[in-house]
């Protein structure tokens, strides 16, 4: 997956992933969605964001937590 809207710059927000180099972190966007904010509410409060930014922030967060689980057999 190509995260062309996500930037990591050591001098911005302590190197946290941001949206297009803005001072809006991926974490902030994900937390707003988790707090049940609608895309429209987020876009209203953060006018520099675009709908695709929110989608890509969620995709990035999902990719960052990609963990493989292996089902083990129960001990005999």
Protein backbone atom coordinates (compact mmCIF):
# COMPACT_ATOMS: atom_id res chain seq x y z
CA UNK A 1 0.00 0.00 0.00
CA UNK A 2 1.23 3.47 -0.86
CA UNK A 3 0.77 6.00 1.94
CA UNK A 4 1.38 9.13 -0.10
CA UNK A 5 -0.55 11.33 2.36
CA UNK A 6 1.40 10.23 5.44
CA UNK A 7 4.67 11.95 6.31
CA UNK A 8 7.20 11.35 9.04
CA UNK A 9 9.49 14.28 9.73
CA UNK A 10 11.78 14.20 12.78
CA UNK A 11 11.30 17.95 13.38
CA UNK A 12 7.48 17.81 13.39
CA UNK A 13 5.42 16.42 16.27
CA UNK A 14 8.41 14.47 17.59
CA UNK A 15 8.58 12.40 14.42
CA UNK A 16 5.02 11.07 14.69
CA UNK A 17 3.28 10.24 11.40
CA UNK A 18 1.37 13.28 10.18
CA UNK A 19 -1.09 14.02 7.43
CA UNK A 20 0.70 15.52 4.41
CA UNK A 21 3.30 17.15 6.63
CA UNK A 22 0.67 19.22 8.43
CA UNK A 23 0.80 19.44 12.20
CA UNK A 24 -2.08 17.00 12.42
CA UNK A 25 -1.02 13.53 13.47
CA UNK A 26 -2.41 10.26 12.23
CA UNK A 27 -3.02 9.48 15.90
CA UNK A 28 -5.25 12.53 16.31
CA UNK A 29 -7.37 11.57 13.32
CA UNK A 30 -7.70 7.94 14.43
CA UNK A 31 -8.65 9.00 17.97
CA UNK A 32 -11.34 11.34 16.62
CA UNK A 33 -12.84 8.54 14.55
CA UNK A 34 -12.66 6.23 17.59
CA UNK A 35 -14.47 8.91 19.61
CA UNK A 36 -17.33 8.64 17.11
CA UNK A 37 -16.66 11.86 15.23
CA UNK A 38 -18.01 11.72 11.69
CA UNK A 39 -15.77 12.51 8.74
CA UNK A 40 -17.78 15.70 8.23
CA UNK A 41 -17.21 16.79 11.85
CA UNK A 42 -13.48 16.21 11.53
CA UNK A 43 -13.31 18.08 8.24
CA UNK A 44 -15.25 20.97 9.76
CA UNK A 45 -12.91 21.28 12.76
CA UNK A 46 -9.75 20.64 10.71
CA UNK A 47 -10.32 22.49 7.41
CA UNK A 48 -6.83 21.62 6.11
CA UNK A 49 -7.79 17.93 6.01
CA UNK A 50 -9.44 16.17 3.11
CA UNK A 51 -11.69 13.13 3.22
CA UNK A 52 -8.94 11.00 1.64
CA UNK A 53 -6.58 12.04 4.45
CA UNK A 54 -8.91 10.50 7.02
CA UNK A 55 -9.27 7.29 5.02
CA UNK A 56 -5.52 6.96 4.60
CA UNK A 57 -4.90 7.66 8.30
CA UNK A 58 -7.19 4.74 9.15
CA UNK A 59 -5.52 2.49 6.57
CA UNK A 60 -2.09 3.46 7.94
CA UNK A 61 -3.17 2.69 11.51
CA UNK A 62 -4.54 -0.67 10.41
CA UNK A 63 -1.32 -1.51 8.59
CA UNK A 64 0.75 -0.45 11.61
CA UNK A 65 -1.11 -2.93 13.79
CA UNK A 66 -0.93 -5.80 11.33
CA UNK A 67 -0.10 -8.78 13.51
CA UNK A 68 -0.11 -12.41 12.53
CA UNK A 69 -1.83 -14.80 14.89
CA UNK A 70 -1.06 -18.47 14.81
CA UNK A 71 -3.62 -20.88 16.17
CA UNK A 72 -1.91 -23.46 18.33
CA UNK A 73 -3.35 -26.80 19.22
CA UNK A 74 -4.55 -27.29 22.74
CA UNK A 75 -2.15 -29.37 24.84
CA UNK A 76 -3.08 -33.03 25.05
